[in-house]
C-alpha atoms as a PDB file:
ATOM      1  CA  MET A   1      83.205 100.583 103.565  1.00  0.00           C
ATOM      2  CA  PRO A   2      81.031  98.257 105.576  1.00  0.00           C
ATOM      3  CA  GLY A   3      79.264  95.133 104.426  1.00  0.00           C
ATOM      4  CA  GLY A   4      80.521  94.629 100.878  1.00  0.00           C
ATOM      5  CA  GLU A   5      80.228  98.264  99.832  1.00  0.00           C
ATOM      6  CA  SER A   6      82.684  99.821  97.410  1.00  0.00           C
ATOM      7  CA  GLU A   7      83.872 103.275  96.454  1.00  0.00           C
ATOM      8  CA  ARG A   8      84.673 104.654  93.009  1.00  0.00           C
ATOM      9  CA  THR A   9      88.228 105.637  92.231  1.00  0.00           C
ATOM     10  CA  VAL A  10      90.614 106.011  89.279  1.00  0.00           C
ATOM     11  CA  VAL A  11      93.430 103.521  88.785  1.00  0.00           C
ATOM     12  CA  GLU A  12      96.415 103.155  86.475  1.00  0.00           C
ATOM     13  CA  CYS A  13      97.783  99.879  85.104  1.00  0.00           C
ATOM     14  CA  LEU A  14     101.313  99.247  86.398  1.00  0.00           C
ATOM     15  CA  GLU A  15     102.329  97.630  83.089  1.00  0.00           C
ATOM     16  CA  CYS A  16     101.091  99.980  80.349  1.00  0.00           C
ATOM     17  CA  GLY A  17      99.798 103.059  82.195  1.00  0.00           C
ATOM     18  CA  SER A  18      96.194 102.817  80.980  1.00  0.00           C
ATOM     19  CA  ALA A  19      93.752 104.564  83.321  1.00  0.00           C
ATOM     20  CA  TYR A  20      90.363 103.186  84.340  1.00  0.00           C
ATOM     21  CA  ALA A  21      87.436 104.134  86.524  1.00  0.00           C
ATOM     22  CA  ALA A  22      87.340 101.440  89.186  1.00  0.00           C
ATOM     23  CA  ARG A  23      85.667 100.220  92.340  1.00  0.00           C
ATOM     24  CA  ARG A  24      87.703  99.661  95.486  1.00  0.00           C
ATOM     25  CA  TRP A  25      86.166  97.141  97.877  1.00  0.00           C
ATOM     26  CA  GLY A  26      86.538  97.145 101.645  1.00  0.00           C
ATOM     27  CA  ASP A  27      89.138  94.355 101.501  1.00  0.00           C
ATOM     28  CA  GLY A  28      91.373  96.468  99.208  1.00  0.00           C
ATOM     29  CA  THR A  29      90.444  94.666  95.990  1.00  0.00           C
ATOM     30  CA  ILE A  30      90.364  96.958  92.955  1.00  0.00           C
ATOM     31  CA  GLN A  31      88.111  96.116  89.991  1.00  0.00           C
ATOM     32  CA  PRO A  32      88.292  98.325  86.879  1.00  0.00           C
ATOM     33  CA  ILE A  33      84.752  99.094  85.750  1.00  0.00           C
ATOM     34  CA  GLY A  34      83.976  97.251  82.518  1.00  0.00           C
ATOM     35  CA  ARG A  35      87.230  95.234  82.620  1.00  0.00           C
ATOM     36  CA  LYS A  36      86.406  92.044  84.502  1.00  0.00           C
ATOM     37  CA  ASN A  37      89.747  90.392  83.659  1.00  0.00           C
ATOM     38  CA  GLY A  38      92.017  93.387  84.289  1.00  0.00           C
ATOM     39  CA  CYS A  39      93.683  95.751  81.856  1.00  0.00           C
ATOM     40  CA  GLN A  40      93.431  95.579  78.075  1.00  0.00           C
ATOM     41  CA  CYS A  41      97.155  94.665  78.042  1.00  0.00           C
ATOM     42  CA  GLY A  42      96.433  91.605  80.194  1.00  0.00           C
ATOM     43  CA  ALA A  43      97.924  92.920  83.448  1.00  0.00           C
ATOM     44  CA  THR A  44      96.012  92.764  86.711  1.00  0.00           C
ATOM     45  CA  ALA A  45      98.070  95.120  88.915  1.00  0.00           C
ATOM     46  CA  PHE A  46      96.911  98.719  89.371  1.00  0.00           C
ATOM     47  CA  ARG A  47      97.684 101.763  91.459  1.00  0.00           C
ATOM     48  CA  THR A  48      95.267 104.429  92.572  1.00  0.00           C
ATOM     49  CA  ILE A  49      95.822 107.745  90.794  1.00  0.00           C
ATOM     50  CA  GLY A  50      95.904 110.910  92.881  1.00  0.00           C
ATOM     51  CA  GLY A  51      95.236 109.195  96.198  1.00  0.00           C
ATOM     52  CA  ALA A  52      96.902 106.585  98.321  1.00  0.00           C
ATOM     53  CA  SER A  53      99.929 104.952  96.721  1.00  0.00           C
ATOM     54  CA  GLU A  54      98.787 101.407  97.359  1.00  0.00           C
ATOM     55  CA  THR A  55      98.680  98.778  94.626  1.00  0.00           C
ATOM     56  CA  ALA A  56      96.281  95.913  94.163  1.00  0.00           C
ATOM     57  CA  ARG A  57      96.184  92.755  92.088  1.00  0.00           C
END
């Protein structure tokens, strides 16, 4: 993902298991779409669902 581009993915909150559509940026940062401050439970750590097993904060 060159030059600040992102890709869409699906992530799961590591605390409560809520799933979100998200954007993954070239630096590995994951941002749930519509959830600027993280999960509804307050957590900010997620894992990609159905893809790579990496986590992001």
